[in-house]
Structures are given as structure tokens and as C-alpha cells.
């Protein structure tokens, strides 16, 4: 029996100007993978995503597809994770459908747990065996069953909850700490059913697009040098447009001559590099991460060009300057 594409999960990231998002991987969660055999589905990895195939008998799937949700895990390699907006991978991040023709939207879900308690009549203070989320309040607890029972208070220190109402076996729902995932992982949920099968039969498999956002931070170059030029004679020229939009005004250049509370990294570099000078060049505004290189970003000391093509600072090299994160790069130009 032939297999036809049922859906594609594709990850897009502005870090890659062209081509697939090579540092992203989409894998089925174990419970979803276990269902594929019974539903006659096959998953195939693609650069930056995954294609799911369904076995067909004529115009219909060999096994009728139920209305259900498949769950996948999105994994990013270290460099791409550093180049991604941190908000995209907060605890509990899930990418879900946003409507026809739209990229998937990001939602954050708190993990919850259900616990069964035997409650006597009237008000009762009962100990929980689970571990509610730190800071949980009585309003965060829900009685799933039966009706007529309410939560009146919760003591976080003793992990005891007060219930009021008739005697009953109570099912109590409350927030718990999110399960630990690797830092570069998020969840993806894709709904399937007869409608998706009809699209597949017509040669129009469903695309689930995860459009990530790039991290952005100022670029920061620390230069170790023995050149004596005063600060006013230093500059960085960057013709626009040429790669990322990094601009360095005259006010963004400073020399670190002692302890600089606004630049712990530069201070340490100055101490390790003495008696050489350390200059700091900070871009005027945050620069989005991109694999495109700024090929013509040049550094001058007076009329002398000492670098013709500075590298893009790596998003994996984050430093704190003036209380804010920057992408950093250390340069060295020594004449002796």
C-alpha cells in the first residue's frame, strides 16, 4: 500500500536567511510514537523538521484516522538556542495551531496534578502527598469531583488543604512544578483526523510551521592593544546594508583603565592583559542574531585600518555591560 504525506512540521528561524533550520530537530513523544504502528503512520526526519506519512488504500487511509492530538518535542542545538529569543523556551512552552495558513502560536501551560483524598463531613484539614507549586494559593486548587466540596484554605508550609462540604472521596487538582526538560526543548501539538486525511488524499498535506524569534542584544567588542591612539580617534565603520544592522557611534567607545562596575568582563580582561590597553566598542542598539556575516565591518585607529572584516559576536558569548546582556567578542591587535 502506498504512503502519502499527511503532515509536515517545519521549524523556521530568522538566524538562517536561506535554507532549512539545520540546528532544529522535531521528534515524536514516546506515547505518540507508540501509536504510529496501529494507525499505519511513518515519521521521517527532514532538515529542520519532520514529515508524517499515512498508508492509504485507494482514496482513504488504510486505518481511519481518529480526531486526536499528536505530540512532538522540538530540540535546538546549543548555538541556535543561544540565538533564539529566551521567551520561546520558557518552562511549559507549547506550540499549538493558530488557524489555517498561520504559523503555530506559542502558549505556556502550567503543569497540574490530580490527587484523591478521603474527606469526612464538614470542614477537614488534609495532608497532600504531592508537591504543589511553590507559592500556590487556595484559589489555585480545583475540586474535580464531587460537587458540593470546596477548598477554603491551603497552608504551604505543612502542605495541608482545608476542604468543606459533605463526606466524599474527593479528586483535587492543583499546580505542580513543570517537568524538567533540556534547556533547548519545547513541545509541539498537532491535531489529526478525517479532515487531515482528506487533504493528504488530495495531495495537500497539512503544514505545521513553528516560526521562532531571534534573540537580539547589542554587539560588544573588547580590543586588547598597545596602540596609543586616544579614544576619540577610534571608530568602527559598517556600510549599510551589509549583514546584520550593527552601528557604532562615537559615544559607544570607551577605555577600561581600572575597575569598571558596568563591565565586569572588561575589567577582568584588563587585569589579565596589563600593561596593554583594553577598549570597548558597544553597538548603538540590539542586533538580531543571524548567520549572515557582516563582511565589511572595519575598525580604525586614526587613519590606520587595523581590521577589515570583524567577526559577528557569538550569541553563545553573553556578557553583562551596563546591567544588560550583550553578545561579545575579544579582539587583539599588538604591534610588538
C-alpha atoms as a PDB file:
ATOM      1  CA  UNK A   1       0.000   0.000   0.000  1.00  0.00           C
ATOM      2  CA  UNK A   2       1.360   3.493  -0.801  1.00  0.00           C
ATOM      3  CA  UNK A   3       2.231   6.010   1.887  1.00  0.00           C
ATOM      4  CA  UNK A   4       1.306   9.653   1.349  1.00  0.00           C
ATOM      5  CA  UNK A   5       2.456  12.744   3.265  1.00  0.00           C
ATOM      6  CA  UNK A   6      -0.117  13.540   5.949  1.00  0.00           C
ATOM      7  CA  UNK A   7       1.550  16.490   7.641  1.00  0.00           C
ATOM      8  CA  UNK A   8       4.844  18.314   7.904  1.00  0.00           C
ATOM      9  CA  UNK A   9       6.245  20.038  10.981  1.00  0.00           C
ATOM     10  CA  UNK A  10       8.746  22.680   9.866  1.00  0.00           C
ATOM     11  CA  UNK A  11      10.866  24.963  12.028  1.00  0.00           C
ATOM     12  CA  UNK A  12      11.778  28.400  10.644  1.00  0.00           C
ATOM     13  CA  UNK A  13      14.257  30.762  12.276  1.00  0.00           C
ATOM     14  CA  UNK A  14      15.474  34.189  11.100  1.00  0.00           C
ATOM     15  CA  UNK A  15      19.010  33.109  12.072  1.00  0.00           C
ATOM     16  CA  UNK A  16      19.010  31.256   8.735  1.00  0.00           C
ATOM     17  CA  UNK A  17      18.421  33.693   5.882  1.00  0.00           C
ATOM     18  CA  UNK A  18      18.048  30.850   3.376  1.00  0.00           C
ATOM     19  CA  UNK A  19      17.619  27.108   3.594  1.00  0.00           C
ATOM     20  CA  UNK A  20      16.245  24.879   6.344  1.00  0.00           C
ATOM     21  CA  UNK A  21      16.789  25.334  10.051  1.00  0.00           C
ATOM     22  CA  UNK A  22      19.533  22.713  10.313  1.00  0.00           C
ATOM     23  CA  UNK A  23      20.105  23.015  14.077  1.00  0.00           C
ATOM     24  CA  UNK A  24      16.468  22.168  14.932  1.00  0.00           C
ATOM     25  CA  UNK A  25      15.061  18.665  15.347  1.00  0.00           C
ATOM     26  CA  UNK A  26      11.453  17.515  15.776  1.00  0.00           C
ATOM     27  CA  UNK A  27      10.869  14.090  17.370  1.00  0.00           C
ATOM     28  CA  UNK A  28       7.642  12.338  18.418  1.00  0.00           C
ATOM     29  CA  UNK A  29       6.992  11.961  22.121  1.00  0.00           C
ATOM     30  CA  UNK A  30       7.147   8.283  23.183  1.00  0.00           C
ATOM     31  CA  UNK A  31       3.359   7.985  23.656  1.00  0.00           C
ATOM     32  CA  UNK A  32       2.764   9.436  20.184  1.00  0.00           C
ATOM     33  CA  UNK A  33       5.442   7.234  18.596  1.00  0.00           C
ATOM     34  CA  UNK A  34       3.770   4.182  20.133  1.00  0.00           C
ATOM     35  CA  UNK A  35       0.517   4.994  18.282  1.00  0.00           C
ATOM     36  CA  UNK A  36       2.065   5.200  14.824  1.00  0.00           C
ATOM     37  CA  UNK A  37       2.120   1.457  14.174  1.00  0.00           C
ATOM     38  CA  UNK A  38      -1.575   0.984  14.931  1.00  0.00           C
ATOM     39  CA  UNK A  39      -2.531   3.989  12.817  1.00  0.00           C
ATOM     40  CA  UNK A  40      -0.189   2.937   9.993  1.00  0.00           C
ATOM     41  CA  UNK A  41       1.849   6.128  10.187  1.00  0.00           C
ATOM     42  CA  UNK A  42       5.556   6.638   9.485  1.00  0.00           C
ATOM     43  CA  UNK A  43       7.664   9.582  10.609  1.00  0.00           C
ATOM     44  CA  UNK A  44      10.627  10.756   8.577  1.00  0.00           C
ATOM     45  CA  UNK A  45      13.167  13.313   9.754  1.00  0.00           C
ATOM     46  CA  UNK A  46      13.854  16.267   7.470  1.00  0.00           C
ATOM     47  CA  UNK A  47      16.373  19.087   7.978  1.00  0.00           C
ATOM     48  CA  UNK A  48      14.646  21.407  10.434  1.00  0.00           C
ATOM     49  CA  UNK A  49      11.525  19.309  10.835  1.00  0.00           C
ATOM     50  CA  UNK A  50       9.604  16.112  10.279  1.00  0.00           C
ATOM     51  CA  UNK A  51       7.196  14.596   7.741  1.00  0.00           C
ATOM     52  CA  UNK A  52       4.479  12.175   8.827  1.00  0.00           C
ATOM     53  CA  UNK A  53       3.231   9.666   6.235  1.00  0.00           C
ATOM     54  CA  UNK A  54      -0.051   7.715   6.284  1.00  0.00           C
ATOM     55  CA  UNK A  55      -0.652   4.415   4.495  1.00  0.00           C
ATOM     56  CA  UNK A  56      -3.531   4.632   2.001  1.00  0.00           C
ATOM     57  CA  UNK A  57      -5.799   2.069   0.359  1.00  0.00           C
ATOM     58  CA  UNK A  58      -7.180   3.919  -2.635  1.00  0.00           C
ATOM     59  CA  UNK A  59      -8.531   7.325  -1.626  1.00  0.00           C
ATOM     60  CA  UNK A  60      -8.741   6.556   2.100  1.00  0.00           C
ATOM     61  CA  UNK A  61      -6.204   5.803   4.819  1.00  0.00           C
ATOM     62  CA  UNK A  62      -5.755   2.086   5.467  1.00  0.00           C
ATOM     63  CA  UNK A  63      -6.679   2.832   9.102  1.00  0.00           C
ATOM     64  CA  UNK A  64      -9.283   5.557   9.648  1.00  0.00           C
ATOM     65  CA  UNK A  65      -7.655   8.438  11.498  1.00  0.00           C
ATOM     66  CA  UNK A  66      -9.422   9.438  14.722  1.00  0.00           C
ATOM     67  CA  UNK A  67      -9.701  13.017  15.920  1.00  0.00           C
ATOM     68  CA  UNK A  68      -6.674  13.142  18.177  1.00  0.00           C
ATOM     69  CA  UNK A  69      -3.624  15.217  19.027  1.00  0.00           C
ATOM     70  CA  UNK A  70      -0.090  14.093  18.290  1.00  0.00           C
ATOM     71  CA  UNK A  71       2.675  15.415  20.497  1.00  0.00           C
ATOM     72  CA  UNK A  72       6.225  16.160  19.422  1.00  0.00           C
ATOM     73  CA  UNK A  73       9.328  17.607  21.030  1.00  0.00           C
ATOM     74  CA  UNK A  74      11.292  20.452  19.457  1.00  0.00           C
ATOM     75  CA  UNK A  75      15.017  20.337  20.197  1.00  0.00           C
ATOM     76  CA  UNK A  76      17.556  23.045  19.347  1.00  0.00           C
ATOM     77  CA  UNK A  77      21.314  22.700  19.278  1.00  0.00           C
ATOM     78  CA  UNK A  78      23.274  24.927  21.659  1.00  0.00           C
ATOM     79  CA  UNK A  79      24.224  27.642  19.157  1.00  0.00           C
ATOM     80  CA  UNK A  80      20.693  28.003  17.784  1.00  0.00           C
ATOM     81  CA  UNK A  81      19.232  28.023  21.297  1.00  0.00           C
ATOM     82  CA  UNK A  82      21.548  30.918  22.175  1.00  0.00           C
ATOM     83  CA  UNK A  83      20.352  32.719  19.028  1.00  0.00           C
ATOM     84  CA  UNK A  84      16.669  32.276  19.960  1.00  0.00           C
ATOM     85  CA  UNK A  85      14.519  34.678  21.960  1.00  0.00           C
ATOM     86  CA  UNK A  86      14.563  33.260  25.533  1.00  0.00           C
ATOM     87  CA  UNK A  87      10.783  33.687  25.758  1.00  0.00           C
ATOM     88  CA  UNK A  88      10.339  30.951  23.137  1.00  0.00           C
ATOM     89  CA  UNK A  89      11.640  28.296  25.513  1.00  0.00           C
ATOM     90  CA  UNK A  90      10.212  29.248  28.880  1.00  0.00           C
ATOM     91  CA  UNK A  91       9.101  26.439  31.170  1.00  0.00           C
ATOM     92  CA  UNK A  92       5.870  24.920  29.889  1.00  0.00           C
ATOM     93  CA  UNK A  93       6.170  26.279  26.319  1.00  0.00           C
ATOM     94  CA  UNK A  94       3.846  24.530  23.836  1.00  0.00           C
ATOM     95  CA  UNK A  95       3.369  25.375  20.152  1.00  0.00           C
ATOM     96  CA  UNK A  96      -0.250  24.842  19.039  1.00  0.00           C
ATOM     97  CA  UNK A  97      -2.307  25.571  15.916  1.00  0.00           C
ATOM     98  CA  UNK A  98      -3.299  29.198  15.336  1.00  0.00           C
ATOM     99  CA  UNK A  99      -5.610  28.771  12.338  1.00  0.00           C
ATOM    100  CA  UNK A 100      -5.384  27.988   8.608  1.00  0.00           C
ATOM    101  CA  UNK A 101      -2.307  29.426   6.915  1.00  0.00           C
ATOM    102  CA  UNK A 102      -0.863  30.829  10.150  1.00  0.00           C
ATOM    103  CA  UNK A 103       2.310  29.799  11.997  1.00  0.00           C
ATOM    104  CA  UNK A 104       1.750  27.885  15.202  1.00  0.00           C
ATOM    105  CA  UNK A 105       1.326  30.072  18.268  1.00  0.00           C
ATOM    106  CA  UNK A 106       3.237  29.731  21.494  1.00  0.00           C
ATOM    107  CA  UNK A 107       1.361  29.162  24.741  1.00  0.00           C
ATOM    108  CA  UNK A 108       2.600  28.474  28.244  1.00  0.00           C
ATOM    109  CA  UNK A 109       0.898  25.801  30.293  1.00  0.00           C
ATOM    110  CA  UNK A 110       1.346  25.197  33.977  1.00  0.00           C
ATOM    111  CA  UNK A 111       1.760  21.567  34.941  1.00  0.00           C
ATOM    112  CA  UNK A 112      -1.027  20.209  37.144  1.00  0.00           C
ATOM    113  CA  UNK A 113      -1.612  17.055  39.136  1.00  0.00           C
ATOM    114  CA  UNK A 114      -4.736  15.321  40.476  1.00  0.00           C
ATOM    115  CA  UNK A 115      -4.866  13.709  43.909  1.00  0.00           C
ATOM    116  CA  UNK A 116      -7.586  11.624  45.583  1.00  0.00           C
ATOM    117  CA  UNK A 117      -8.484  12.352  49.205  1.00  0.00           C
ATOM    118  CA  UNK A 118     -10.960  10.723  51.591  1.00  0.00           C
ATOM    119  CA  UNK A 119     -12.829  13.607  53.209  1.00  0.00           C
ATOM    120  CA  UNK A 120     -15.054  13.359  56.297  1.00  0.00           C
ATOM    121  CA  UNK A 121     -18.179  15.529  56.662  1.00  0.00           C
ATOM    122  CA  UNK A 122     -17.797  19.216  57.447  1.00  0.00           C
ATOM    123  CA  UNK A 123     -14.516  21.119  57.393  1.00  0.00           C
ATOM    124  CA  UNK A 124     -11.458  18.909  57.198  1.00  0.00           C
ATOM    125  CA  UNK A 125      -7.719  19.660  57.076  1.00  0.00           C
ATOM    126  CA  UNK A 126      -5.996  17.043  54.925  1.00  0.00           C
ATOM    127  CA  UNK A 127      -2.321  16.486  54.076  1.00  0.00           C
ATOM    128  CA  UNK A 128      -1.321  16.279  50.432  1.00  0.00           C
ATOM    129  CA  UNK A 129       1.007  13.550  49.213  1.00  0.00           C
ATOM    130  CA  UNK A 130       2.007  15.553  46.125  1.00  0.00           C
ATOM    131  CA  UNK A 131       4.134  18.687  45.872  1.00  0.00           C
ATOM    132  CA  UNK A 132       2.115  21.770  44.874  1.00  0.00           C
ATOM    133  CA  UNK A 133       3.878  24.555  43.008  1.00  0.00           C
ATOM    134  CA  UNK A 134       5.745  26.956  45.276  1.00  0.00           C
ATOM    135  CA  UNK A 135       3.581  29.985  46.024  1.00  0.00           C
ATOM    136  CA  UNK A 136       0.295  28.174  45.288  1.00  0.00           C
ATOM    137  CA  UNK A 137      -2.837  29.663  46.895  1.00  0.00           C
ATOM    138  CA  UNK A 138      -6.220  28.154  47.757  1.00  0.00           C
ATOM    139  CA  UNK A 139      -7.678  29.701  44.595  1.00  0.00           C
ATOM    140  CA  UNK A 140      -5.239  27.613  42.515  1.00  0.00           C
ATOM    141  CA  UNK A 141      -6.855  24.373  43.706  1.00  0.00           C
ATOM    142  CA  UNK A 142      -9.883  22.859  41.937  1.00  0.00           C
ATOM    143  CA  UNK A 143     -12.242  20.117  43.101  1.00  0.00           C
ATOM    144  CA  UNK A 144     -12.873  17.935  40.049  1.00  0.00           C
ATOM    145  CA  UNK A 145     -15.358  15.733  41.903  1.00  0.00           C
ATOM    146  CA  UNK A 146     -17.803  15.610  43.596  1.00  0.00           C
ATOM    147  CA  UNK A 147     -19.974  18.717  43.520  1.00  0.00           C
ATOM    148  CA  UNK A 148     -20.572  20.464  46.842  1.00  0.00           C
ATOM    149  CA  UNK A 149     -16.972  20.301  48.082  1.00  0.00           C
ATOM    150  CA  UNK A 150     -14.864  23.464  48.161  1.00  0.00           C
ATOM    151  CA  UNK A 151     -11.304  24.470  49.051  1.00  0.00           C
ATOM    152  CA  UNK A 152     -11.278  27.105  51.789  1.00  0.00           C
ATOM    153  CA  UNK A 153      -7.552  27.401  52.575  1.00  0.00           C
ATOM    154  CA  UNK A 154      -4.103  25.989  51.868  1.00  0.00           C
ATOM    155  CA  UNK A 155      -1.042  26.072  54.119  1.00  0.00           C
ATOM    156  CA  UNK A 156       2.126  25.942  52.018  1.00  0.00           C
ATOM    157  CA  UNK A 157       4.455  25.149  54.923  1.00  0.00           C
ATOM    158  CA  UNK A 158       2.658  21.973  56.006  1.00  0.00           C
ATOM    159  CA  UNK A 159       1.192  21.235  52.549  1.00  0.00           C
ATOM    160  CA  UNK A 160      -2.268  20.842  54.078  1.00  0.00           C
ATOM    161  CA  UNK A 161      -5.512  21.856  52.435  1.00  0.00           C
ATOM    162  CA  UNK A 162      -8.828  22.653  54.112  1.00  0.00           C
ATOM    163  CA  UNK A 163     -11.930  21.242  52.413  1.00  0.00           C
ATOM    164  CA  UNK A 164     -15.536  21.992  53.307  1.00  0.00           C
ATOM    165  CA  UNK A 165     -18.626  20.010  52.367  1.00  0.00           C
ATOM    166  CA  UNK A 166     -20.112  16.529  52.710  1.00  0.00           C
ATOM    167  CA  UNK A 167     -18.129  13.351  53.312  1.00  0.00           C
ATOM    168  CA  UNK A 168     -16.770  12.138  49.986  1.00  0.00           C
ATOM    169  CA  UNK A 169     -13.875  10.716  48.001  1.00  0.00           C
ATOM    170  CA  UNK A 170     -12.530  13.958  46.546  1.00  0.00           C
ATOM    171  CA  UNK A 171     -10.451  14.430  43.398  1.00  0.00           C
ATOM    172  CA  UNK A 172      -8.347  17.552  43.871  1.00  0.00           C
ATOM    173  CA  UNK A 173      -6.456  19.276  41.055  1.00  0.00           C
ATOM    174  CA  UNK A 174      -3.574  21.700  41.705  1.00  0.00           C
ATOM    175  CA  UNK A 175      -0.493  23.230  40.029  1.00  0.00           C
ATOM    176  CA  UNK A 176       2.844  21.430  40.369  1.00  0.00           C
ATOM    177  CA  UNK A 177       6.421  22.191  39.212  1.00  0.00           C
ATOM    178  CA  UNK A 178       6.857  21.712  35.461  1.00  0.00           C
ATOM    179  CA  UNK A 179       8.703  18.535  34.434  1.00  0.00           C
ATOM    180  CA  UNK A 180      12.386  19.072  33.783  1.00  0.00           C
ATOM    181  CA  UNK A 181      13.270  19.174  30.088  1.00  0.00           C
ATOM    182  CA  UNK A 182      16.567  20.008  28.468  1.00  0.00           C
ATOM    183  CA  UNK A 183      17.020  23.793  28.113  1.00  0.00           C
ATOM    184  CA  UNK A 184      16.656  23.603  24.332  1.00  0.00           C
ATOM    185  CA  UNK A 185      13.358  21.725  24.198  1.00  0.00           C
ATOM    186  CA  UNK A 186       9.721  22.744  23.747  1.00  0.00           C
ATOM    187  CA  UNK A 187       6.501  20.872  22.963  1.00  0.00           C
ATOM    188  CA  UNK A 188       4.528  20.830  19.705  1.00  0.00           C
ATOM    189  CA  UNK A 189       0.919  19.620  19.401  1.00  0.00           C
ATOM    190  CA  UNK A 190      -0.620  18.758  16.025  1.00  0.00           C
ATOM    191  CA  UNK A 191      -4.260  17.686  15.622  1.00  0.00           C
ATOM    192  CA  UNK A 192      -5.123  14.999  13.084  1.00  0.00           C
ATOM    193  CA  UNK A 193      -8.387  13.444  11.926  1.00  0.00           C
ATOM    194  CA  UNK A 194     -10.513  12.688   8.852  1.00  0.00           C
ATOM    195  CA  UNK A 195     -10.158  16.253   7.561  1.00  0.00           C
ATOM    196  CA  UNK A 196      -6.373  15.964   7.511  1.00  0.00           C
ATOM    197  CA  UNK A 197      -6.644  12.593   5.760  1.00  0.00           C
ATOM    198  CA  UNK A 198      -8.806  14.152   3.018  1.00  0.00           C
ATOM    199  CA  UNK A 199      -6.152  16.834   2.431  1.00  0.00           C
ATOM    200  CA  UNK A 200      -3.480  14.181   2.231  1.00  0.00           C
ATOM    201  CA  UNK A 201      -5.503  12.187  -0.317  1.00  0.00           C
ATOM    202  CA  UNK A 202      -5.767  15.352  -2.420  1.00  0.00           C
ATOM    203  CA  UNK A 203      -2.010  15.845  -2.320  1.00  0.00           C
ATOM    204  CA  UNK A 204      -2.190  18.784   0.094  1.00  0.00           C
ATOM    205  CA  UNK A 205      -0.598  17.666   3.362  1.00  0.00           C
ATOM    206  CA  UNK A 206      -1.013  19.995   6.326  1.00  0.00           C
ATOM    207  CA  UNK A 207       1.944  22.239   7.199  1.00  0.00           C
ATOM    208  CA  UNK A 208       2.572  22.973  10.872  1.00  0.00           C
ATOM    209  CA  UNK A 209       5.054  25.854  10.872  1.00  0.00           C
ATOM    210  CA  UNK A 210       6.963  26.772  14.025  1.00  0.00           C
ATOM    211  CA  UNK A 211       8.327  30.283  13.421  1.00  0.00           C
ATOM    212  CA  UNK A 212      10.860  31.086  16.124  1.00  0.00           C
ATOM    213  CA  UNK A 213      12.075  34.573  17.001  1.00  0.00           C
ATOM    214  CA  UNK A 214      15.730  35.563  17.008  1.00  0.00           C
ATOM    215  CA  UNK A 215      17.418  36.785  20.169  1.00  0.00           C
ATOM    216  CA  UNK A 216      18.726  40.331  19.987  1.00  0.00           C
ATOM    217  CA  UNK A 217      21.352  42.126  22.048  1.00  0.00           C
ATOM    218  CA  UNK A 218      23.961  44.848  21.493  1.00  0.00           C
ATOM    219  CA  UNK A 219      27.248  43.755  19.953  1.00  0.00           C
ATOM    220  CA  UNK A 220      30.300  44.323  22.126  1.00  0.00           C
ATOM    221  CA  UNK A 221      33.935  44.151  21.010  1.00  0.00           C
ATOM    222  CA  UNK A 222      36.713  44.252  23.602  1.00  0.00           C
ATOM    223  CA  UNK A 223      40.021  45.185  21.971  1.00  0.00           C
ATOM    224  CA  UNK A 224      43.373  44.389  23.591  1.00  0.00           C
ATOM    225  CA  UNK A 225      46.049  46.605  22.032  1.00  0.00           C
ATOM    226  CA  UNK A 226      49.270  48.550  22.528  1.00  0.00           C
ATOM    227  CA  UNK A 227      48.355  51.332  20.096  1.00  0.00           C
ATOM    228  CA  UNK A 228      48.481  54.750  21.839  1.00  0.00           C
ATOM    229  CA  UNK A 229      45.679  56.470  19.899  1.00  0.00           C
ATOM    230  CA  UNK A 230      43.272  58.371  22.183  1.00  0.00           C
ATOM    231  CA  UNK A 231      39.679  57.144  22.387  1.00  0.00           C
ATOM    232  CA  UNK A 232      38.419  59.940  20.150  1.00  0.00           C
ATOM    233  CA  UNK A 233      40.496  58.584  17.237  1.00  0.00           C
ATOM    234  CA  UNK A 234      38.964  55.091  17.281  1.00  0.00           C
ATOM    235  CA  UNK A 235      35.940  54.128  15.220  1.00  0.00           C
ATOM    236  CA  UNK A 236      34.110  51.231  13.595  1.00  0.00           C
ATOM    237  CA  UNK A 237      32.751  51.681  10.081  1.00  0.00           C
ATOM    238  CA  UNK A 238      29.981  49.413   8.844  1.00  0.00           C
ATOM    239  CA  UNK A 239      28.491  50.138   5.392  1.00  0.00           C
ATOM    240  CA  UNK A 240      24.734  49.545   5.324  1.00  0.00           C
ATOM    241  CA  UNK A 241      23.217  47.297   4.261  1.00  0.00           C
ATOM    242  CA  UNK A 242      25.814  44.592   4.864  1.00  0.00           C
ATOM    243  CA  UNK A 243      24.668  41.722   7.019  1.00  0.00           C
ATOM    244  CA  UNK A 244      23.215  42.429  10.483  1.00  0.00           C
ATOM    245  CA  UNK A 245      22.389  46.104  11.154  1.00  0.00           C
ATOM    246  CA  UNK A 246      25.160  46.841  13.662  1.00  0.00           C
ATOM    247  CA  UNK A 247      26.105  50.526  14.049  1.00  0.00           C
ATOM    248  CA  UNK A 248      28.726  52.011  16.380  1.00  0.00           C
ATOM    249  CA  UNK A 249      28.541  55.704  17.201  1.00  0.00           C
ATOM    250  CA  UNK A 250      31.381  57.723  18.713  1.00  0.00           C
ATOM    251  CA  UNK A 251      29.736  57.602  22.144  1.00  0.00           C
ATOM    252  CA  UNK A 252      29.820  53.794  22.163  1.00  0.00           C
ATOM    253  CA  UNK A 253      33.629  53.608  22.572  1.00  0.00           C
ATOM    254  CA  UNK A 254      35.295  53.597  25.986  1.00  0.00           C
ATOM    255  CA  UNK A 255      38.624  52.622  27.523  1.00  0.00           C
ATOM    256  CA  UNK A 256      38.739  50.368  30.572  1.00  0.00           C
ATOM    257  CA  UNK A 257      41.606  51.744  32.626  1.00  0.00           C
ATOM    258  CA  UNK A 258      40.656  50.394  36.036  1.00  0.00           C
ATOM    259  CA  UNK A 259      37.755  48.698  37.763  1.00  0.00           C
ATOM    260  CA  UNK A 260      34.603  49.305  35.707  1.00  0.00           C
ATOM    261  CA  UNK A 261      31.488  48.295  37.634  1.00  0.00           C
ATOM    262  CA  UNK A 262      29.494  48.440  34.391  1.00  0.00           C
ATOM    263  CA  UNK A 263      31.755  45.894  32.687  1.00  0.00           C
ATOM    264  CA  UNK A 264      32.968  43.000  34.880  1.00  0.00           C
ATOM    265  CA  UNK A 265      34.252  41.054  31.861  1.00  0.00           C
ATOM    266  CA  UNK A 266      36.211  44.041  30.546  1.00  0.00           C
ATOM    267  CA  UNK A 267      37.653  44.714  33.997  1.00  0.00           C
ATOM    268  CA  UNK A 268      38.913  41.149  34.292  1.00  0.00           C
ATOM    269  CA  UNK A 269      40.294  41.256  30.734  1.00  0.00           C
ATOM    270  CA  UNK A 270      42.168  44.489  31.548  1.00  0.00           C
ATOM    271  CA  UNK A 271      43.720  42.929  34.658  1.00  0.00           C
ATOM    272  CA  UNK A 272      44.817  39.845  32.702  1.00  0.00           C
ATOM    273  CA  UNK A 273      46.145  41.889  29.771  1.00  0.00           C
ATOM    274  CA  UNK A 274      48.140  44.584  31.632  1.00  0.00           C
ATOM    275  CA  UNK A 275      50.115  46.577  30.623  1.00  0.00           C
ATOM    276  CA  UNK A 276      48.149  46.509  27.337  1.00  0.00           C
ATOM    277  CA  UNK A 277      45.080  48.709  26.873  1.00  0.00           C
ATOM    278  CA  UNK A 278      41.506  47.408  26.686  1.00  0.00           C
ATOM    279  CA  UNK A 279      38.938  49.361  24.648  1.00  0.00           C
ATOM    280  CA  UNK A 280      35.227  48.564  24.498  1.00  0.00           C
ATOM    281  CA  UNK A 281      33.081  49.127  21.389  1.00  0.00           C
ATOM    282  CA  UNK A 282      29.335  48.793  22.051  1.00  0.00           C
ATOM    283  CA  UNK A 283      26.748  48.936  19.260  1.00  0.00           C
ATOM    284  CA  UNK A 284      24.124  51.661  19.410  1.00  0.00           C
ATOM    285  CA  UNK A 285      21.199  49.230  19.507  1.00  0.00           C
ATOM    286  CA  UNK A 286      20.438  45.494  19.883  1.00  0.00           C
ATOM    287  CA  UNK A 287      21.275  43.393  16.817  1.00  0.00           C
ATOM    288  CA  UNK A 288      19.133  40.303  15.954  1.00  0.00           C
ATOM    289  CA  UNK A 289      21.097  37.062  15.673  1.00  0.00           C
ATOM    290  CA  UNK A 290      21.830  35.997  12.124  1.00  0.00           C
ATOM    291  CA  UNK A 291      24.092  33.515  10.345  1.00  0.00           C
ATOM    292  CA  UNK A 292      24.759  36.249   7.756  1.00  0.00           C
ATOM    293  CA  UNK A 293      28.181  37.733   8.343  1.00  0.00           C
ATOM    294  CA  UNK A 294      28.871  41.454   8.291  1.00  0.00           C
ATOM    295  CA  UNK A 295      31.658  41.204   5.718  1.00  0.00           C
ATOM    296  CA  UNK A 296      32.763  44.853   5.670  1.00  0.00           C
ATOM    297  CA  UNK A 297      32.738  45.944   9.297  1.00  0.00           C
ATOM    298  CA  UNK A 298      36.131  47.632   9.786  1.00  0.00           C
ATOM    299  CA  UNK A 299      37.989  49.103  12.774  1.00  0.00           C
ATOM    300  CA  UNK A 300      40.223  52.187  12.575  1.00  0.00           C
ATOM    301  CA  UNK A 301      42.774  53.788  14.894  1.00  0.00           C
ATOM    302  CA  UNK A 302      43.000  57.274  13.448  1.00  0.00           C
ATOM    303  CA  UNK A 303      43.670  56.876   9.718  1.00  0.00           C
ATOM    304  CA  UNK A 304      45.019  53.360  10.203  1.00  0.00           C
ATOM    305  CA  UNK A 305      42.698  50.445   9.430  1.00  0.00           C
ATOM    306  CA  UNK A 306      43.599  47.620  11.787  1.00  0.00           C
ATOM    307  CA  UNK A 307      40.719  45.211  10.986  1.00  0.00           C
ATOM    308  CA  UNK A 308      38.937  44.952   7.633  1.00  0.00           C
ATOM    309  CA  UNK A 309      36.251  42.390   8.499  1.00  0.00           C
ATOM    310  CA  UNK A 310      35.316  41.954  12.145  1.00  0.00           C
ATOM    311  CA  UNK A 311      33.507  38.719  13.083  1.00  0.00           C
ATOM    312  CA  UNK A 312      29.918  38.638  14.286  1.00  0.00           C
ATOM    313  CA  UNK A 313      29.965  38.321  18.080  1.00  0.00           C
ATOM    314  CA  UNK A 314      28.632  34.906  19.040  1.00  0.00           C
ATOM    315  CA  UNK A 315      25.240  34.723  20.795  1.00  0.00           C
ATOM    316  CA  UNK A 316      26.784  31.959  22.904  1.00  0.00           C
ATOM    317  CA  UNK A 317      29.238  34.532  24.365  1.00  0.00           C
ATOM    318  CA  UNK A 318      26.904  36.608  26.524  1.00  0.00           C
ATOM    319  CA  UNK A 319      28.356  39.239  28.857  1.00  0.00           C
ATOM    320  CA  UNK A 320      26.835  41.917  31.043  1.00  0.00           C
ATOM    321  CA  UNK A 321      27.619  45.538  30.209  1.00  0.00           C
ATOM    322  CA  UNK A 322      25.809  48.381  31.951  1.00  0.00           C
ATOM    323  CA  UNK A 323      23.497  45.843  33.564  1.00  0.00           C
ATOM    324  CA  UNK A 324      22.284  44.336  30.276  1.00  0.00           C
ATOM    325  CA  UNK A 325      23.302  41.261  28.252  1.00  0.00           C
ATOM    326  CA  UNK A 326      25.452  41.767  25.162  1.00  0.00           C
ATOM    327  CA  UNK A 327      26.932  39.426  22.549  1.00  0.00           C
ATOM    328  CA  UNK A 328      30.699  39.666  22.983  1.00  0.00           C
ATOM    329  CA  UNK A 329      33.918  39.142  21.039  1.00  0.00           C
ATOM    330  CA  UNK A 330      37.543  39.730  22.101  1.00  0.00           C
ATOM    331  CA  UNK A 331      39.939  41.212  19.529  1.00  0.00           C
ATOM    332  CA  UNK A 332      43.694  41.568  19.827  1.00  0.00           C
ATOM    333  CA  UNK A 333      45.993  43.934  17.913  1.00  0.00           C
ATOM    334  CA  UNK A 334      49.525  44.205  19.254  1.00  0.00           C
ATOM    335  CA  UNK A 335      52.421  45.668  17.283  1.00  0.00           C
ATOM    336  CA  UNK A 336      55.299  44.213  19.337  1.00  0.00           C
END
